N, C-alpha and C. Protein backbone atom coordinates (compact mmCIF):
# COMPACT_ATOMS: atom_id res chain seq x y z
N PHE A 1 -16.25 0.01 -15.77
CA PHE A 1 -15.18 -1.31 -16.14
C PHE A 1 -15.30 -1.76 -14.79
N PRO A 2 -14.77 -2.74 -15.06
CA PRO A 2 -14.50 -3.57 -13.44
C PRO A 2 -13.73 -3.21 -12.66
N ASP A 3 -13.35 -3.72 -11.74
CA ASP A 3 -12.10 -3.64 -10.84
C ASP A 3 -11.00 -4.15 -11.09
N TYR A 4 -10.38 -4.72 -10.71
CA TYR A 4 -9.07 -4.68 -11.29
C TYR A 4 -8.88 -5.91 -10.12
N GLY A 5 -8.00 -7.58 -10.19
CA GLY A 5 -7.93 -8.19 -9.41
C GLY A 5 -7.12 -8.02 -8.63
N ASP A 6 -6.92 -8.47 -7.42
CA ASP A 6 -5.67 -8.66 -6.77
C ASP A 6 -4.09 -8.84 -6.97
N GLU A 7 -3.80 -9.83 -7.63
CA GLU A 7 -2.79 -9.76 -8.74
C GLU A 7 -2.40 -8.58 -9.25
N GLN A 8 -3.37 -8.05 -10.00
CA GLN A 8 -3.24 -6.55 -11.33
C GLN A 8 -3.14 -5.73 -9.88
N LEU A 9 -3.92 -5.45 -8.87
CA LEU A 9 -3.95 -4.09 -7.92
C LEU A 9 -1.78 -4.28 -7.45
N LEU A 10 -1.56 -5.59 -6.89
CA LEU A 10 -0.67 -6.07 -6.63
C LEU A 10 0.98 -5.61 -7.66
N ALA A 11 0.30 -5.78 -8.98
CA ALA A 11 1.41 -5.91 -10.14
C ALA A 11 1.17 -3.99 -10.21
N ILE A 12 0.50 -3.54 -10.26
CA ILE A 12 0.18 -2.17 -10.48
C ILE A 12 0.81 -1.27 -9.02
N PHE A 13 0.55 -1.74 -7.70
CA PHE A 13 1.97 -1.21 -6.48
C PHE A 13 2.58 -1.50 -6.99
N CYS A 14 3.70 -2.78 -7.72
CA CYS A 14 5.28 -2.90 -8.09
C CYS A 14 5.63 -2.11 -8.69
N SER A 15 4.71 -1.72 -10.06
CA SER A 15 4.81 -0.93 -10.94
C SER A 15 5.22 0.05 -10.95
N MET A 16 4.27 0.93 -9.45
CA MET A 16 4.82 2.41 -8.50
C MET A 16 5.70 2.17 -8.18
N ALA A 17 6.37 1.24 -7.26
CA ALA A 17 7.73 1.50 -6.80
C ALA A 17 8.52 1.34 -7.83
N GLU A 18 8.99 0.36 -8.91
CA GLU A 18 9.59 0.31 -9.69
C GLU A 18 9.88 2.01 -10.31
N ARG A 19 8.75 2.47 -10.74
CA ARG A 19 9.00 3.62 -11.08
C ARG A 19 9.94 4.84 -10.10
N ALA A 20 8.98 4.94 -9.53
CA ALA A 20 9.82 5.20 -7.96
C ALA A 20 11.02 5.46 -7.64
N GLY A 21 11.43 4.43 -8.11
CA GLY A 21 13.27 4.08 -7.33
C GLY A 21 12.80 2.77 -6.89
N VAL A 22 12.01 2.40 -5.42
CA VAL A 22 11.79 1.86 -4.17
C VAL A 22 11.61 0.81 -4.95
N VAL A 23 12.76 -0.19 -3.10
CA VAL A 23 12.74 -1.93 -3.65
C VAL A 23 11.88 -2.35 -2.45
N LEU A 24 11.10 -3.17 -2.73
CA LEU A 24 10.19 -3.64 -2.21
C LEU A 24 11.22 -5.10 -0.79
N GLY A 25 11.61 -4.49 0.66
CA GLY A 25 11.59 -5.27 1.08
C GLY A 25 10.73 -7.35 1.03
N GLU A 26 11.60 -7.28 2.17
CA GLU A 26 10.76 -9.32 2.01
C GLU A 26 9.41 -8.92 2.88
N GLY A 27 8.39 -9.82 2.25
CA GLY A 27 6.98 -9.31 3.14
C GLY A 27 6.26 -8.57 2.64
N VAL A 28 6.90 -7.75 1.52
CA VAL A 28 5.53 -6.66 1.68
C VAL A 28 4.35 -6.88 0.58
N GLU A 29 4.91 -7.54 -0.34
CA GLU A 29 3.97 -8.03 -1.45
C GLU A 29 3.22 -9.04 -0.60
N ASP A 30 3.45 -9.65 0.00
CA ASP A 30 2.15 -10.79 1.16
C ASP A 30 1.31 -10.22 1.87
N GLN A 31 2.13 -9.06 2.76
CA GLN A 31 1.31 -7.97 3.23
C GLN A 31 0.22 -6.83 2.45
N LEU A 32 0.86 -6.46 1.19
CA LEU A 32 -0.52 -5.88 0.68
C LEU A 32 -1.71 -7.08 -0.38
N GLY A 33 -0.86 -7.84 -0.65
CA GLY A 33 -2.35 -8.94 -0.71
C GLY A 33 -3.31 -9.76 0.04
N GLU A 34 -2.46 -9.40 1.47
CA GLU A 34 -3.58 -9.45 2.72
C GLU A 34 -4.28 -8.32 2.74
N LEU A 35 -3.60 -6.93 3.14
CA LEU A 35 -4.84 -5.87 2.78
C LEU A 35 -5.34 -5.89 1.13
N LEU A 36 -5.50 -6.10 -0.08
CA LEU A 36 -6.27 -6.29 -0.37
C LEU A 36 -6.76 -7.20 -0.27
N ARG A 37 -6.81 -8.25 0.33
CA ARG A 37 -8.07 -9.26 0.38
C ARG A 37 -8.78 -9.09 1.12
N ARG A 38 -8.58 -7.70 1.98
CA ARG A 38 -9.18 -7.78 3.19
C ARG A 38 -10.13 -6.02 2.71
N ILE A 39 -10.04 -5.61 2.51
CA ILE A 39 -10.80 -4.34 1.32
C ILE A 39 -11.75 -4.23 0.95
N PRO A 40 -12.87 -3.99 1.02
CA PRO A 40 -14.46 -4.18 0.74
C PRO A 40 -14.29 -3.10 -0.75
N ARG A 41 -14.74 -4.55 -1.92
CA ARG A 41 -14.70 -3.47 -2.99
C ARG A 41 -16.57 -3.21 -3.04
N GLY A 42 -16.98 -2.21 -2.35
CA GLY A 42 -18.07 -1.81 -2.81
C GLY A 42 -18.16 -0.82 -3.89
N GLU A 43 -19.13 -0.19 -4.06
CA GLU A 43 -19.23 0.75 -5.03
C GLU A 43 -18.09 1.98 -5.15
N SER A 44 -17.89 2.17 -3.30
CA SER A 44 -16.63 3.40 -3.73
C SER A 44 -15.26 3.16 -3.85
N PHE A 45 -14.53 1.87 -3.93
CA PHE A 45 -13.75 0.85 -4.33
C PHE A 45 -13.21 1.93 -5.56
N GLY A 46 -12.20 1.94 -5.07
CA GLY A 46 -11.32 3.31 -5.81
C GLY A 46 -10.62 2.56 -7.21
N ASN A 47 -10.00 0.67 -7.20
CA ASN A 47 -9.34 0.44 -7.97
C ASN A 47 -7.89 1.05 -7.91
N ALA A 48 -7.34 1.17 -9.47
CA ALA A 48 -5.91 1.71 -8.79
C ALA A 48 -5.53 2.84 -7.67
N ARG A 49 -6.96 3.66 -8.08
CA ARG A 49 -6.48 4.26 -7.03
C ARG A 49 -6.60 4.04 -5.59
N PHE A 50 -7.05 3.08 -5.17
CA PHE A 50 -6.97 2.44 -3.55
C PHE A 50 -4.94 1.94 -3.99
N VAL A 51 -4.99 1.66 -4.53
CA VAL A 51 -3.25 1.01 -4.88
C VAL A 51 -2.58 2.55 -4.29
N ARG A 52 -2.81 3.37 -5.29
CA ARG A 52 -2.36 4.79 -5.19
C ARG A 52 -2.16 5.22 -3.55
N THR A 53 -3.12 5.14 -3.03
CA THR A 53 -3.26 5.78 -1.81
C THR A 53 -2.79 5.41 -1.22
N VAL A 54 -2.64 3.75 -1.36
CA VAL A 54 -1.42 2.72 -0.09
C VAL A 54 -0.52 3.31 -0.24
N PHE A 55 -0.01 3.05 -1.99
CA PHE A 55 1.73 3.74 -1.98
C PHE A 55 2.03 4.96 -1.58
N GLU A 56 1.50 5.91 -1.54
CA GLU A 56 1.85 7.18 -0.80
C GLU A 56 2.01 7.22 1.01
N ARG A 57 0.77 6.60 1.22
CA ARG A 57 0.99 6.47 2.51
C ARG A 57 2.46 5.63 3.20
N ALA A 58 2.37 4.27 2.62
CA ALA A 58 3.95 3.34 2.97
C ALA A 58 4.81 4.55 2.97
N MET A 59 4.87 5.44 1.29
CA MET A 59 6.32 6.07 1.49
C MET A 59 6.06 7.26 2.09
N GLY A 60 5.15 7.41 2.85
CA GLY A 60 4.98 8.26 3.96
C GLY A 60 5.44 8.09 5.37
N ARG A 61 5.29 6.61 6.18
CA ARG A 61 5.73 5.93 6.64
C ARG A 61 7.07 5.72 6.76
N GLN A 62 7.24 5.38 5.29
CA GLN A 62 9.22 4.81 5.48
C GLN A 62 9.73 6.62 5.42
N ALA A 63 9.23 6.89 5.18
CA ALA A 63 10.02 8.36 5.97
C ALA A 63 9.85 8.79 6.99
N LEU A 64 8.57 8.80 7.34
CA LEU A 64 9.10 8.95 9.18
C LEU A 64 10.25 7.58 9.99
N ARG A 65 9.54 6.48 9.11
CA ARG A 65 10.65 5.23 9.72
C ARG A 65 12.72 5.51 9.53
N VAL A 66 12.85 6.07 8.24
CA VAL A 66 13.88 6.04 8.61
C VAL A 66 14.40 7.92 8.55
N THR A 67 13.61 8.79 9.49
CA THR A 67 14.19 10.42 10.00
C THR A 67 14.50 9.53 11.22
N ALA A 68 13.73 8.48 11.82
CA ALA A 68 13.54 8.55 13.73
C ALA A 68 14.66 7.79 13.54
N SER A 69 15.04 6.69 12.42
CA SER A 69 16.54 6.10 13.13
C SER A 69 17.29 6.69 12.71
N ASP A 70 18.81 6.04 12.92
CA ASP A 70 20.09 6.35 13.36
C ASP A 70 20.51 5.88 11.86
N MET A 71 19.95 5.29 10.68
CA MET A 71 20.38 4.64 9.27
C MET A 71 21.58 6.16 9.32
N THR A 72 22.53 5.18 8.50
CA THR A 72 23.41 5.92 7.48
C THR A 72 23.76 5.39 6.42
N ASP A 73 22.93 4.39 5.80
CA ASP A 73 22.82 3.59 4.69
C ASP A 73 22.34 4.47 3.34
N VAL A 74 22.09 4.58 2.82
CA VAL A 74 21.94 5.49 2.01
C VAL A 74 20.70 4.68 1.19
N THR A 75 21.63 3.46 1.03
CA THR A 75 20.72 2.66 0.54
C THR A 75 18.75 1.96 1.35
N ALA A 76 18.79 2.78 2.38
CA ALA A 76 17.56 2.10 2.90
C ALA A 76 16.64 3.38 2.41
N LEU A 77 17.25 3.84 1.95
CA LEU A 77 15.54 5.09 1.74
C LEU A 77 15.19 4.82 0.93
N ARG A 78 15.81 3.79 -0.31
CA ARG A 78 15.07 2.87 -1.23
C ARG A 78 14.26 1.95 -0.72
N LEU A 79 14.88 1.17 0.42
CA LEU A 79 14.30 0.53 0.77
C LEU A 79 12.41 0.44 1.58
N LEU A 80 11.71 -0.39 1.55
CA LEU A 80 10.17 -0.21 1.48
C LEU A 80 10.02 -1.41 1.92
N LEU A 81 9.15 -1.36 3.60
CA LEU A 81 9.27 -2.77 4.36
C LEU A 81 8.02 -3.07 4.97
N PRO A 82 7.14 -3.70 5.45
CA PRO A 82 6.01 -4.59 5.37
C PRO A 82 5.86 -3.32 6.42
N GLU A 83 6.30 -2.70 7.72
CA GLU A 83 5.66 -1.62 8.44
C GLU A 83 5.63 -0.54 8.06
N ASP A 84 5.97 -0.47 7.25
CA ASP A 84 5.22 0.56 6.12
C ASP A 84 4.31 0.88 5.67
N LEU A 85 3.45 -0.12 5.26
CA LEU A 85 2.58 -0.24 4.63
C LEU A 85 1.22 0.09 5.76
N PRO A 86 0.67 1.20 5.53
CA PRO A 86 -0.59 1.37 6.45
C PRO A 86 -1.40 0.35 6.59
N THR A 87 -2.05 0.66 7.40
CA THR A 87 -2.90 -0.67 9.02
C THR A 87 -3.48 -0.68 7.88
N PRO A 88 -4.53 -1.68 7.49
CA PRO A 88 -5.70 -2.00 7.10
C PRO A 88 -6.94 -1.03 7.69
N LYS A 89 -7.08 -1.05 9.20
CA LYS A 89 -8.25 0.17 9.21
C LYS A 89 -7.74 1.53 9.14
N SER A 90 -6.59 2.20 8.43
CA SER A 90 -6.65 3.34 7.67
C SER A 90 -7.02 2.92 6.48
N VAL A 91 -6.90 2.38 6.29
CA VAL A 91 -7.41 2.32 4.40
C VAL A 91 -8.77 1.99 3.91
N GLY A 92 -9.42 1.61 5.67
CA GLY A 92 -10.92 1.35 4.96
C GLY A 92 -11.33 -0.32 4.91
N ALA A 93 -9.98 -1.44 5.25
CA ALA A 93 -10.80 -2.26 5.59
C ALA A 93 -10.78 -2.90 7.23
N LYS A 94 -12.50 -3.75 6.71
CA LYS A 94 -12.45 -4.43 7.47
C LYS A 94 -12.65 -5.87 7.80
N GLU A 95 -13.14 -6.43 8.86
CA GLU A 95 -13.10 -8.37 8.24
C GLU A 95 -14.84 -8.34 7.64
N ARG A 96 -15.74 -7.02 7.61
CA ARG A 96 -16.54 -7.45 7.22
C ARG A 96 -17.81 -6.13 7.23
N GLY A 97 -18.48 -6.23 6.34
CA GLY A 97 -19.06 -5.16 6.05
C GLY A 97 -18.69 -4.05 4.95
N PRO A 98 -18.93 -3.27 4.36
CA PRO A 98 -18.78 -2.00 3.19
C PRO A 98 -18.38 -1.05 3.96
N SER A 99 -17.12 -0.40 3.18
CA SER A 99 -16.72 0.68 3.62
C SER A 99 -16.68 2.42 2.57
N PRO A 100 -17.32 2.94 2.90
CA PRO A 100 -17.59 3.98 2.24
C PRO A 100 -16.42 4.58 2.26
N SER A 101 -15.22 4.67 3.05
CA SER A 101 -14.49 5.35 2.22
C SER A 101 -13.15 4.34 1.71
N ALA A 102 -13.51 3.05 1.73
CA ALA A 102 -12.27 1.89 0.93
C ALA A 102 -11.81 3.21 -0.92
N GLY A 103 -10.83 3.40 -0.56
CA GLY A 103 -10.18 3.38 -1.76
C GLY A 103 -10.22 4.99 -2.66
N GLN A 104 -10.46 5.57 -1.28
CA GLN A 104 -10.78 7.01 -1.84
C GLN A 104 -9.96 8.01 -1.83
N TYR A 105 -9.39 8.72 -1.92
CA TYR A 105 -7.94 9.39 -2.60
C TYR A 105 -8.30 10.65 -1.52
N LEU A 106 -7.11 10.58 -0.60
CA LEU A 106 -7.35 11.68 0.51
C LEU A 106 -6.16 12.25 0.71
């Protein structure tokens, strides 16, 4: 089946966040959109699996950020910030050329 477009992948990410009770902070959708534009769409691109991987890595990074801070506001536990998204390199995004690991669920 054909790959989802960037807008559809962004909607999937937002839906996953909503189901998990996560609030997307300002700039998260823009940064995710940039990440989606940079990721190669070769044969190994995992479509929604890629977005699930990005979401899970973002939640892990968010947990590290929250536990490393002195936050006492419980709502911070639900807030996902742009810096919580994985780096493009960590998910196989490159400026050019295919990435055999892009979208593979690890």
